[in-house]
Amino acid sequence: MPDIDPIINVPARLRIMAALMALMPNSQLDFRTLGKSLGLTDGNLGAHLQTLETAGYIKIEKNFIERKPRTHVAITARGRARFEEHVAALREICRV
């Protein structure tokens, strides 16, 4: 049976990962769009993204568009695999 991932199991991180999984591979979401769609404050979102990035589940790119800083977030191959394993573990628990 697959294991529950303690990093993804936090509700806000689970929602972040689910939003990123819904994207086509190699696609990104901008920080503001992600935060607004999930109803998270910038600080809360930033803290959760940092945890996910440290685990290697997401990558964060920072650049400038018309001299304004922009942050984009994408899920990594490792992140996709761990999310799928986490969901499989949740499904297994629900079957019991």
PDB file of N, CA and C in Angstrom:
ATOM      1  N   MET A   1       0.838  -1.175   0.000  1.00  0.00           N
ATOM      2  CA  MET A   1       0.000   0.000   0.000  1.00  0.00           C
ATOM      3  C   MET A   1       0.889   1.246   0.000  1.00  0.00           C
ATOM      4  N   PRO A   2       0.593   2.211  -0.852  1.00  0.00           N
ATOM      5  CA  PRO A   2       1.385   3.450  -0.868  1.00  0.00           C
ATOM      6  C   PRO A   2       1.228   4.203   0.452  1.00  0.00           C
ATOM      7  N   ASP A   3       2.213   5.016   0.770  1.00  0.00           N
ATOM      8  CA  ASP A   3       2.196   5.781   2.014  1.00  0.00           C
ATOM      9  C   ASP A   3       1.609   7.173   1.810  1.00  0.00           C
ATOM     10  N   ILE A   4       0.969   7.665   2.863  1.00  0.00           N
ATOM     11  CA  ILE A   4       0.526   9.063   2.899  1.00  0.00           C
ATOM     12  C   ILE A   4       1.793   9.912   2.962  1.00  0.00           C
ATOM     13  N   ASP A   5       1.863  10.937   2.150  1.00  0.00           N
ATOM     14  CA  ASP A   5       3.021  11.830   2.145  1.00  0.00           C
ATOM     15  C   ASP A   5       2.770  12.950   3.152  1.00  0.00           C
ATOM     16  N   PRO A   6       3.572  13.043   4.219  1.00  0.00           N
ATOM     17  CA  PRO A   6       3.326  14.060   5.242  1.00  0.00           C
ATOM     18  C   PRO A   6       3.480  15.499   4.728  1.00  0.00           C
ATOM     19  N   ILE A   7       4.237  15.684   3.682  1.00  0.00           N
ATOM     20  CA  ILE A   7       4.397  17.038   3.123  1.00  0.00           C
ATOM     21  C   ILE A   7       3.139  17.429   2.358  1.00  0.00           C
ATOM     22  N   ILE A   8       2.620  16.542   1.551  1.00  0.00           N
ATOM     23  CA  ILE A   8       1.434  16.834   0.747  1.00  0.00           C
ATOM     24  C   ILE A   8       0.167  16.777   1.594  1.00  0.00           C
ATOM     25  N   ASN A   9       0.174  16.034   2.689  1.00  0.00           N
ATOM     26  CA  ASN A   9      -1.032  15.801   3.474  1.00  0.00           C
ATOM     27  C   ASN A   9      -1.598  17.054   4.149  1.00  0.00           C
ATOM     28  N   VAL A  10      -0.827  18.107   4.268  1.00  0.00           N
ATOM     29  CA  VAL A  10      -1.324  19.373   4.821  1.00  0.00           C
ATOM     30  C   VAL A  10      -2.354  19.929   3.829  1.00  0.00           C
ATOM     31  N   PRO A  11      -3.567  20.275   4.297  1.00  0.00           N
ATOM     32  CA  PRO A  11      -4.639  20.669   3.369  1.00  0.00           C
ATOM     33  C   PRO A  11      -4.254  21.732   2.325  1.00  0.00           C
ATOM     34  N   ALA A  12      -3.587  22.790   2.725  1.00  0.00           N
ATOM     35  CA  ALA A  12      -3.220  23.831   1.756  1.00  0.00           C
ATOM     36  C   ALA A  12      -2.250  23.289   0.708  1.00  0.00           C
ATOM     37  N   ARG A  13      -1.305  22.458   1.128  1.00  0.00           N
ATOM     38  CA  ARG A  13      -0.347  21.891   0.172  1.00  0.00           C
ATOM     39  C   ARG A  13      -1.009  20.887  -0.752  1.00  0.00           C
ATOM     40  N   LEU A  14      -1.960  20.142  -0.233  1.00  0.00           N
ATOM     41  CA  LEU A  14      -2.714  19.206  -1.070  1.00  0.00           C
ATOM     42  C   LEU A  14      -3.461  19.981  -2.158  1.00  0.00           C
ATOM     43  N   ARG A  15      -4.057  21.103  -1.804  1.00  0.00           N
ATOM     44  CA  ARG A  15      -4.780  21.917  -2.774  1.00  0.00           C
ATOM     45  C   ARG A  15      -3.829  22.548  -3.793  1.00  0.00           C
ATOM     46  N   ILE A  16      -2.657  22.987  -3.345  1.00  0.00           N
ATOM     47  CA  ILE A  16      -1.656  23.545  -4.261  1.00  0.00           C
ATOM     48  C   ILE A  16      -1.229  22.483  -5.267  1.00  0.00           C
ATOM     49  N   MET A  17      -0.909  21.302  -4.757  1.00  0.00           N
ATOM     50  CA  MET A  17      -0.462  20.217  -5.634  1.00  0.00           C
ATOM     51  C   MET A  17      -1.562  19.813  -6.609  1.00  0.00           C
ATOM     52  N   ALA A  18      -2.804  19.757  -6.142  1.00  0.00           N
ATOM     53  CA  ALA A  18      -3.919  19.392  -7.026  1.00  0.00           C
ATOM     54  C   ALA A  18      -4.081  20.428  -8.134  1.00  0.00           C
ATOM     55  N   ALA A  19      -3.940  21.698  -7.793  1.00  0.00           N
ATOM     56  CA  ALA A  19      -4.046  22.758  -8.809  1.00  0.00           C
ATOM     57  C   ALA A  19      -2.936  22.625  -9.847  1.00  0.00           C
ATOM     58  N   LEU A  20      -1.735  22.330  -9.404  1.00  0.00           N
ATOM     59  CA  LEU A  20      -0.607  22.193 -10.334  1.00  0.00           C
ATOM     60  C   LEU A  20      -0.717  20.911 -11.158  1.00  0.00           C
ATOM     61  N   MET A  21      -1.278  19.859 -10.577  1.00  0.00           N
ATOM     62  CA  MET A  21      -1.474  18.607 -11.317  1.00  0.00           C
ATOM     63  C   MET A  21      -2.474  18.796 -12.451  1.00  0.00           C
ATOM     64  N   ALA A  22      -3.396  19.726 -12.301  1.00  0.00           N
ATOM     65  CA  ALA A  22      -4.416  19.960 -13.326  1.00  0.00           C
ATOM     66  C   ALA A  22      -3.835  20.622 -14.577  1.00  0.00           C
ATOM     67  N   LEU A  23      -2.630  21.168 -14.460  1.00  0.00           N
ATOM     68  CA  LEU A  23      -1.983  21.814 -15.600  1.00  0.00           C
ATOM     69  C   LEU A  23      -1.387  20.775 -16.540  1.00  0.00           C
ATOM     70  N   MET A  24      -1.219  21.179 -17.771  1.00  0.00           N
ATOM     71  CA  MET A  24      -0.493  20.337 -18.724  1.00  0.00           C
ATOM     72  C   MET A  24       0.962  20.239 -18.246  1.00  0.00           C
ATOM     73  N   PRO A  25       1.639  19.126 -18.532  1.00  0.00           N
ATOM     74  CA  PRO A  25       3.052  19.027 -18.157  1.00  0.00           C
ATOM     75  C   PRO A  25       3.853  20.221 -18.705  1.00  0.00           C
ATOM     76  N   ASN A  26       4.792  20.671 -17.925  1.00  0.00           N
ATOM     77  CA  ASN A  26       5.666  21.809 -18.251  1.00  0.00           C
ATOM     78  C   ASN A  26       4.940  23.146 -18.272  1.00  0.00           C
ATOM     79  N   SER A  27       3.721  23.210 -17.731  1.00  0.00           N
ATOM     80  CA  SER A  27       3.004  24.470 -17.618  1.00  0.00           C
ATOM     81  C   SER A  27       3.224  25.050 -16.224  1.00  0.00           C
ATOM     82  N   GLN A  28       2.948  26.336 -16.098  1.00  0.00           N
ATOM     83  CA  GLN A  28       3.154  27.047 -14.841  1.00  0.00           C
ATOM     84  C   GLN A  28       1.907  27.851 -14.485  1.00  0.00           C
ATOM     85  N   LEU A  29       1.782  28.144 -13.190  1.00  0.00           N
ATOM     86  CA  LEU A  29       0.781  29.090 -12.711  1.00  0.00           C
ATOM     87  C   LEU A  29       1.510  30.258 -12.081  1.00  0.00           C
ATOM     88  N   ASP A  30       0.963  31.435 -12.239  1.00  0.00           N
ATOM     89  CA  ASP A  30       1.596  32.563 -11.578  1.00  0.00           C
ATOM     90  C   ASP A  30       1.128  32.614 -10.121  1.00  0.00           C
ATOM     91  N   PHE A  31       1.982  33.112  -9.273  1.00  0.00           N
ATOM     92  CA  PHE A  31       1.791  33.136  -7.828  1.00  0.00           C
ATOM     93  C   PHE A  31       0.443  33.747  -7.457  1.00  0.00           C
ATOM     94  N   ARG A  32       0.133  34.889  -8.036  1.00  0.00           N
ATOM     95  CA  ARG A  32      -1.121  35.580  -7.700  1.00  0.00           C
ATOM     96  C   ARG A  32      -2.339  34.759  -8.083  1.00  0.00           C
ATOM     97  N   THR A  33      -2.322  34.188  -9.281  1.00  0.00           N
ATOM     98  CA  THR A  33      -3.448  33.375  -9.742  1.00  0.00           C
ATOM     99  C   THR A  33      -3.641  32.174  -8.830  1.00  0.00           C
ATOM    100  N   LEU A  34      -2.559  31.522  -8.471  1.00  0.00           N
ATOM    101  CA  LEU A  34      -2.622  30.357  -7.598  1.00  0.00           C
ATOM    102  C   LEU A  34      -3.183  30.753  -6.236  1.00  0.00           C
ATOM    103  N   GLY A  35      -2.659  31.812  -5.665  1.00  0.00           N
ATOM    104  CA  GLY A  35      -3.126  32.251  -4.352  1.00  0.00           C
ATOM    105  C   GLY A  35      -4.588  32.632  -4.340  1.00  0.00           C
ATOM    106  N   LYS A  36      -5.011  33.385  -5.352  1.00  0.00           N
ATOM    107  CA  LYS A  36      -6.417  33.794  -5.420  1.00  0.00           C
ATOM    108  C   LYS A  36      -7.339  32.606  -5.632  1.00  0.00           C
ATOM    109  N   SER A  37      -6.953  31.696  -6.489  1.00  0.00           N
ATOM    110  CA  SER A  37      -7.824  30.546  -6.772  1.00  0.00           C
ATOM    111  C   SER A  37      -7.982  29.641  -5.550  1.00  0.00           C
ATOM    112  N   LEU A  38      -6.989  29.635  -4.664  1.00  0.00           N
ATOM    113  CA  LEU A  38      -7.047  28.787  -3.471  1.00  0.00           C
ATOM    114  C   LEU A  38      -7.474  29.553  -2.222  1.00  0.00           C
ATOM    115  N   GLY A  39      -7.598  30.872  -2.341  1.00  0.00           N
ATOM    116  CA  GLY A  39      -7.991  31.685  -1.191  1.00  0.00           C
ATOM    117  C   GLY A  39      -6.916  31.762  -0.117  1.00  0.00           C
ATOM    118  N   LEU A  40      -5.653  31.737  -0.530  1.00  0.00           N
ATOM    119  CA  LEU A  40      -4.533  31.804   0.411  1.00  0.00           C
ATOM    120  C   LEU A  40      -3.891  33.182   0.376  1.00  0.00           C
ATOM    121  N   THR A  41      -3.437  33.655   1.519  1.00  0.00           N
ATOM    122  CA  THR A  41      -2.714  34.921   1.560  1.00  0.00           C
ATOM    123  C   THR A  41      -1.336  34.717   0.935  1.00  0.00           C
ATOM    124  N   ASP A  42      -0.699  35.808   0.546  1.00  0.00           N
ATOM    125  CA  ASP A  42       0.644  35.710  -0.043  1.00  0.00           C
ATOM    126  C   ASP A  42       1.621  35.028   0.908  1.00  0.00           C
ATOM    127  N   GLY A  43       1.575  35.409   2.177  1.00  0.00           N
ATOM    128  CA  GLY A  43       2.498  34.831   3.152  1.00  0.00           C
ATOM    129  C   GLY A  43       2.268  33.346   3.360  1.00  0.00           C
ATOM    130  N   ASN A  44       1.005  32.956   3.467  1.00  0.00           N
ATOM    131  CA  ASN A  44       0.669  31.556   3.659  1.00  0.00           C
ATOM    132  C   ASN A  44       1.074  30.742   2.441  1.00  0.00           C
ATOM    133  N   LEU A  45       0.724  31.234   1.252  1.00  0.00           N
ATOM    134  CA  LEU A  45       1.089  30.541   0.019  1.00  0.00           C
ATOM    135  C   LEU A  45       2.603  30.427  -0.100  1.00  0.00           C
ATOM    136  N   GLY A  46       3.306  31.507   0.161  1.00  0.00           N
ATOM    137  CA  GLY A  46       4.771  31.505   0.060  1.00  0.00           C
ATOM    138  C   GLY A  46       5.415  30.470   0.968  1.00  0.00           C
ATOM    139  N   ALA A  47       4.912  30.362   2.191  1.00  0.00           N
ATOM    140  CA  ALA A  47       5.475  29.393   3.140  1.00  0.00           C
ATOM    141  C   ALA A  47       5.251  27.960   2.653  1.00  0.00           C
ATOM    142  N   HIS A  48       4.052  27.678   2.160  1.00  0.00           N
ATOM    143  CA  HIS A  48       3.768  26.323   1.672  1.00  0.00           C
ATOM    144  C   HIS A  48       4.565  26.009   0.403  1.00  0.00           C
ATOM    145  N   LEU A  49       4.707  26.992  -0.467  1.00  0.00           N
ATOM    146  CA  LEU A  49       5.502  26.773  -1.682  1.00  0.00           C
ATOM    147  C   LEU A  49       6.954  26.485  -1.341  1.00  0.00           C
ATOM    148  N   GLN A  50       7.473  27.174  -0.345  1.00  0.00           N
ATOM    149  CA  GLN A  50       8.864  26.947   0.055  1.00  0.00           C
ATOM    150  C   GLN A  50       9.057  25.507   0.535  1.00  0.00           C
ATOM    151  N   THR A  51       8.113  24.997   1.307  1.00  0.00           N
ATOM    152  CA  THR A  51       8.192  23.614   1.784  1.00  0.00           C
ATOM    153  C   THR A  51       8.152  22.635   0.616  1.00  0.00           C
ATOM    154  N   LEU A  52       7.230  22.872  -0.321  1.00  0.00           N
ATOM    155  CA  LEU A  52       7.118  21.992  -1.488  1.00  0.00           C
ATOM    156  C   LEU A  52       8.352  22.065  -2.374  1.00  0.00           C
ATOM    157  N   GLU A  53       8.928  23.258  -2.509  1.00  0.00           N
ATOM    158  CA  GLU A  53      10.139  23.411  -3.319  1.00  0.00           C
ATOM    159  C   GLU A  53      11.320  22.699  -2.659  1.00  0.00           C
ATOM    160  N   THR A  54      11.456  22.833  -1.356  1.00  0.00           N
ATOM    161  CA  THR A  54      12.549  22.168  -0.631  1.00  0.00           C
ATOM    162  C   THR A  54      12.469  20.651  -0.799  1.00  0.00           C
ATOM    163  N   ALA A  55      11.242  20.127  -0.859  1.00  0.00           N
ATOM    164  CA  ALA A  55      11.051  18.683  -1.043  1.00  0.00           C
ATOM    165  C   ALA A  55      11.278  18.250  -2.491  1.00  0.00           C
ATOM    166  N   GLY A  56      11.404  19.205  -3.402  1.00  0.00           N
ATOM    167  CA  GLY A  56      11.616  18.880  -4.813  1.00  0.00           C
ATOM    168  C   GLY A  56      10.327  18.593  -5.562  1.00  0.00           C
ATOM    169  N   TYR A  57       9.179  18.966  -4.983  1.00  0.00           N
ATOM    170  CA  TYR A  57       7.887  18.683  -5.599  1.00  0.00           C
ATOM    171  C   TYR A  57       7.463  19.759  -6.591  1.00  0.00           C
ATOM    172  N   ILE A  58       7.983  20.955  -6.427  1.00  0.00           N
ATOM    173  CA  ILE A  58       7.672  22.051  -7.345  1.00  0.00           C
ATOM    174  C   ILE A  58       8.950  22.804  -7.674  1.00  0.00           C
ATOM    175  N   LYS A  59       8.881  23.610  -8.731  1.00  0.00           N
ATOM    176  CA  LYS A  59       9.978  24.531  -9.015  1.00  0.00           C
ATOM    177  C   LYS A  59       9.365  25.924  -9.128  1.00  0.00           C
ATOM    178  N   ILE A  60      10.122  26.882  -8.676  1.00  0.00           N
ATOM    179  CA  ILE A  60       9.674  28.274  -8.672  1.00  0.00           C
ATOM    180  C   ILE A  60      10.625  29.079  -9.539  1.00  0.00           C
ATOM    181  N   GLU A  61      10.058  29.854 -10.450  1.00  0.00           N
ATOM    182  CA  GLU A  61      10.848  30.737 -11.307  1.00  0.00           C
ATOM    183  C   GLU A  61      10.431  32.172 -11.040  1.00  0.00           C
ATOM    184  N   LYS A  62      11.414  33.016 -10.853  1.00  0.00           N
ATOM    185  CA  LYS A  62      11.146  34.441 -10.645  1.00  0.00           C
ATOM    186  C   LYS A  62      11.763  35.209 -11.802  1.00  0.00           C
ATOM    187  N   ASN A  63      10.971  36.097 -12.383  1.00  0.00           N
ATOM    188  CA  ASN A  63      11.475  36.935 -13.467  1.00  0.00           C
ATOM    189  C   ASN A  63      10.730  38.260 -13.451  1.00  0.00           C
ATOM    190  N   PHE A  64      11.013  39.087 -14.422  1.00  0.00           N
ATOM    191  CA  PHE A  64      10.374  40.398 -14.517  1.00  0.00           C
ATOM    192  C   PHE A  64       9.602  40.491 -15.822  1.00  0.00           C
ATOM    193  N   ILE A  65       8.398  41.019 -15.732  1.00  0.00           N
ATOM    194  CA  ILE A  65       7.586  41.307 -16.902  1.00  0.00           C
ATOM    195  C   ILE A  65       7.250  42.789 -16.826  1.00  0.00           C
ATOM    196  N   GLU A  66       7.720  43.528 -17.820  1.00  0.00           N
ATOM    197  CA  GLU A  66       7.573  44.981 -17.827  1.00  0.00           C
ATOM    198  C   GLU A  66       8.034  45.601 -16.509  1.00  0.00           C
ATOM    199  N   ARG A  67       9.196  45.188 -16.062  1.00  0.00           N
ATOM    200  CA  ARG A  67       9.853  45.685 -14.854  1.00  0.00           C
ATOM    201  C   ARG A  67       9.111  45.365 -13.567  1.00  0.00           C
ATOM    202  N   LYS A  68       8.149  44.454 -13.633  1.00  0.00           N
ATOM    203  CA  LYS A  68       7.437  44.020 -12.434  1.00  0.00           C
ATOM    204  C   LYS A  68       7.837  42.576 -12.133  1.00  0.00           C
ATOM    205  N   PRO A  69       8.158  42.305 -10.868  1.00  0.00           N
ATOM    206  CA  PRO A  69       8.545  40.930 -10.525  1.00  0.00           C
ATOM    207  C   PRO A  69       7.364  39.977 -10.639  1.00  0.00           C
ATOM    208  N   ARG A  70       7.625  38.805 -11.185  1.00  0.00           N
ATOM    209  CA  ARG A  70       6.600  37.768 -11.330  1.00  0.00           C
ATOM    210  C   ARG A  70       7.183  36.444 -10.852  1.00  0.00           C
ATOM    211  N   THR A  71       6.359  35.688 -10.164  1.00  0.00           N
ATOM    212  CA  THR A  71       6.752  34.373  -9.684  1.00  0.00           C
ATOM    213  C   THR A  71       5.837  33.344 -10.315  1.00  0.00           C
ATOM    214  N   HIS A  72       6.429  32.323 -10.906  1.00  0.00           N
ATOM    215  CA  HIS A  72       5.669  31.244 -11.538  1.00  0.00           C
ATOM    216  C   HIS A  72       6.024  29.927 -10.864  1.00  0.00           C
ATOM    217  N   VAL A  73       5.027  29.071 -10.743  1.00  0.00           N
ATOM    218  CA  VAL A  73       5.176  27.798 -10.038  1.00  0.00           C
ATOM    219  C   VAL A  73       4.792  26.658 -10.976  1.00  0.00           C
ATOM    220  N   ALA A  74       5.588  25.600 -10.965  1.00  0.00           N
ATOM    221  CA  ALA A  74       5.305  24.405 -11.768  1.00  0.00           C
ATOM    222  C   ALA A  74       5.596  23.170 -10.932  1.00  0.00           C
ATOM    223  N   ILE A  75       4.880  22.114 -11.209  1.00  0.00           N
ATOM    224  CA  ILE A  75       5.116  20.846 -10.516  1.00  0.00           C
ATOM    225  C   ILE A  75       6.262  20.113 -11.229  1.00  0.00           C
ATOM    226  N   THR A  76       7.060  19.401 -10.472  1.00  0.00           N
ATOM    227  CA  THR A  76       8.164  18.622 -11.041  1.00  0.00           C
ATOM    228  C   THR A  76       7.692  17.181 -11.295  1.00  0.00           C
ATOM    229  N   ALA A  77       8.509  16.423 -11.992  1.00  0.00           N
ATOM    230  CA  ALA A  77       8.197  15.008 -12.220  1.00  0.00           C
ATOM    231  C   ALA A  77       8.115  14.275 -10.879  1.00  0.00           C
ATOM    232  N   ARG A  78       9.017  14.599  -9.985  1.00  0.00           N
ATOM    233  CA  ARG A  78       8.983  14.000  -8.636  1.00  0.00           C
ATOM    234  C   ARG A  78       7.684  14.367  -7.926  1.00  0.00           C
ATOM    235  N   GLY A  79       7.267  15.627  -8.057  1.00  0.00           N
ATOM    236  CA  GLY A  79       6.034  16.082  -7.431  1.00  0.00           C
ATOM    237  C   GLY A  79       4.815  15.366  -7.979  1.00  0.00           C
ATOM    238  N   ARG A  80       4.780  15.176  -9.296  1.00  0.00           N
ATOM    239  CA  ARG A  80       3.670  14.441  -9.920  1.00  0.00           C
ATOM    240  C   ARG A  80       3.608  13.011  -9.384  1.00  0.00           C
ATOM    241  N   ALA A  81       4.750  12.368  -9.316  1.00  0.00           N
ATOM    242  CA  ALA A  81       4.796  10.981  -8.843  1.00  0.00           C
ATOM    243  C   ALA A  81       4.354  10.882  -7.385  1.00  0.00           C
ATOM    244  N   ARG A  82       4.861  11.771  -6.541  1.00  0.00           N
ATOM    245  CA  ARG A  82       4.495  11.728  -5.119  1.00  0.00           C
ATOM    246  C   ARG A  82       3.019  12.045  -4.915  1.00  0.00           C
ATOM    247  N   PHE A  83       2.468  12.975  -5.701  1.00  0.00           N
ATOM    248  CA  PHE A  83       1.048  13.297  -5.590  1.00  0.00           C
ATOM    249  C   PHE A  83       0.204  12.084  -5.972  1.00  0.00           C
ATOM    250  N   GLU A  84       0.565  11.416  -7.057  1.00  0.00           N
ATOM    251  CA  GLU A  84      -0.173  10.230  -7.486  1.00  0.00           C
ATOM    252  C   GLU A  84      -0.110   9.123  -6.430  1.00  0.00           C
ATOM    253  N   GLU A  85       1.056   8.950  -5.801  1.00  0.00           N
ATOM    254  CA  GLU A  85       1.193   7.962  -4.735  1.00  0.00           C
ATOM    255  C   GLU A  85       0.337   8.346  -3.527  1.00  0.00           C
ATOM    256  N   HIS A  86       0.321   9.627  -3.205  1.00  0.00           N
ATOM    257  CA  HIS A  86      -0.466  10.119  -2.074  1.00  0.00           C
ATOM    258  C   HIS A  86      -1.954   9.870  -2.324  1.00  0.00           C
ATOM    259  N   VAL A  87      -2.426  10.195  -3.508  1.00  0.00           N
ATOM    260  CA  VAL A  87      -3.836   9.990  -3.862  1.00  0.00           C
ATOM    261  C   VAL A  87      -4.176   8.486  -3.825  1.00  0.00           C
ATOM    262  N   ALA A  88      -3.278   7.661  -4.299  1.00  0.00           N
ATOM    263  CA  ALA A  88      -3.503   6.211  -4.253  1.00  0.00           C
ATOM    264  C   ALA A  88      -3.634   5.739  -2.806  1.00  0.00           C
ATOM    265  N   ALA A  89      -2.809   6.275  -1.921  1.00  0.00           N
ATOM    266  CA  ALA A  89      -2.887   5.905  -0.495  1.00  0.00           C
ATOM    267  C   ALA A  89      -4.218   6.348   0.099  1.00  0.00           C
ATOM    268  N   LEU A  90      -4.676   7.541  -0.254  1.00  0.00           N
ATOM    269  CA  LEU A  90      -5.976   8.022   0.238  1.00  0.00           C
ATOM    270  C   LEU A  90      -7.106   7.141  -0.267  1.00  0.00           C
ATOM    271  N   ARG A  91      -7.035   6.749  -1.525  1.00  0.00           N
ATOM    272  CA  ARG A  91      -8.062   5.858  -2.084  1.00  0.00           C
ATOM    273  C   ARG A  91      -8.075   4.512  -1.362  1.00  0.00           C
ATOM    274  N   GLU A  92      -6.908   4.009  -1.060  1.00  0.00           N
ATOM    275  CA  GLU A  92      -6.805   2.732  -0.350  1.00  0.00           C
ATOM    276  C   GLU A  92      -7.426   2.850   1.040  1.00  0.00           C
ATOM    277  N   ILE A  93      -7.189   3.931   1.718  1.00  0.00           N
ATOM    278  CA  ILE A  93      -7.780   4.148   3.045  1.00  0.00           C
ATOM    279  C   ILE A  93      -9.311   4.194   2.938  1.00  0.00           C
ATOM    280  N   CYS A  94      -9.812   4.836   1.907  1.00  0.00           N
ATOM    281  CA  CYS A  94     -11.264   4.967   1.727  1.00  0.00           C
ATOM    282  C   CYS A  94     -11.940   3.631   1.421  1.00  0.00           C
ATOM    283  N   ARG A  95     -11.188   2.684   0.901  1.00  0.00           N
ATOM    284  CA  ARG A  95     -11.742   1.362   0.591  1.00  0.00           C
ATOM    285  C   ARG A  95     -11.945   0.507   1.827  1.00  0.00           C
ATOM    286  N   VAL A  96     -11.218   0.826   2.872  1.00  0.00           N
ATOM    287  CA  VAL A  96     -11.262  -0.006   4.104  1.00  0.00           C
ATOM    288  C   VAL A  96     -12.568   0.154   4.817  1.00  0.00           C
TER     289      VAL A  96
END
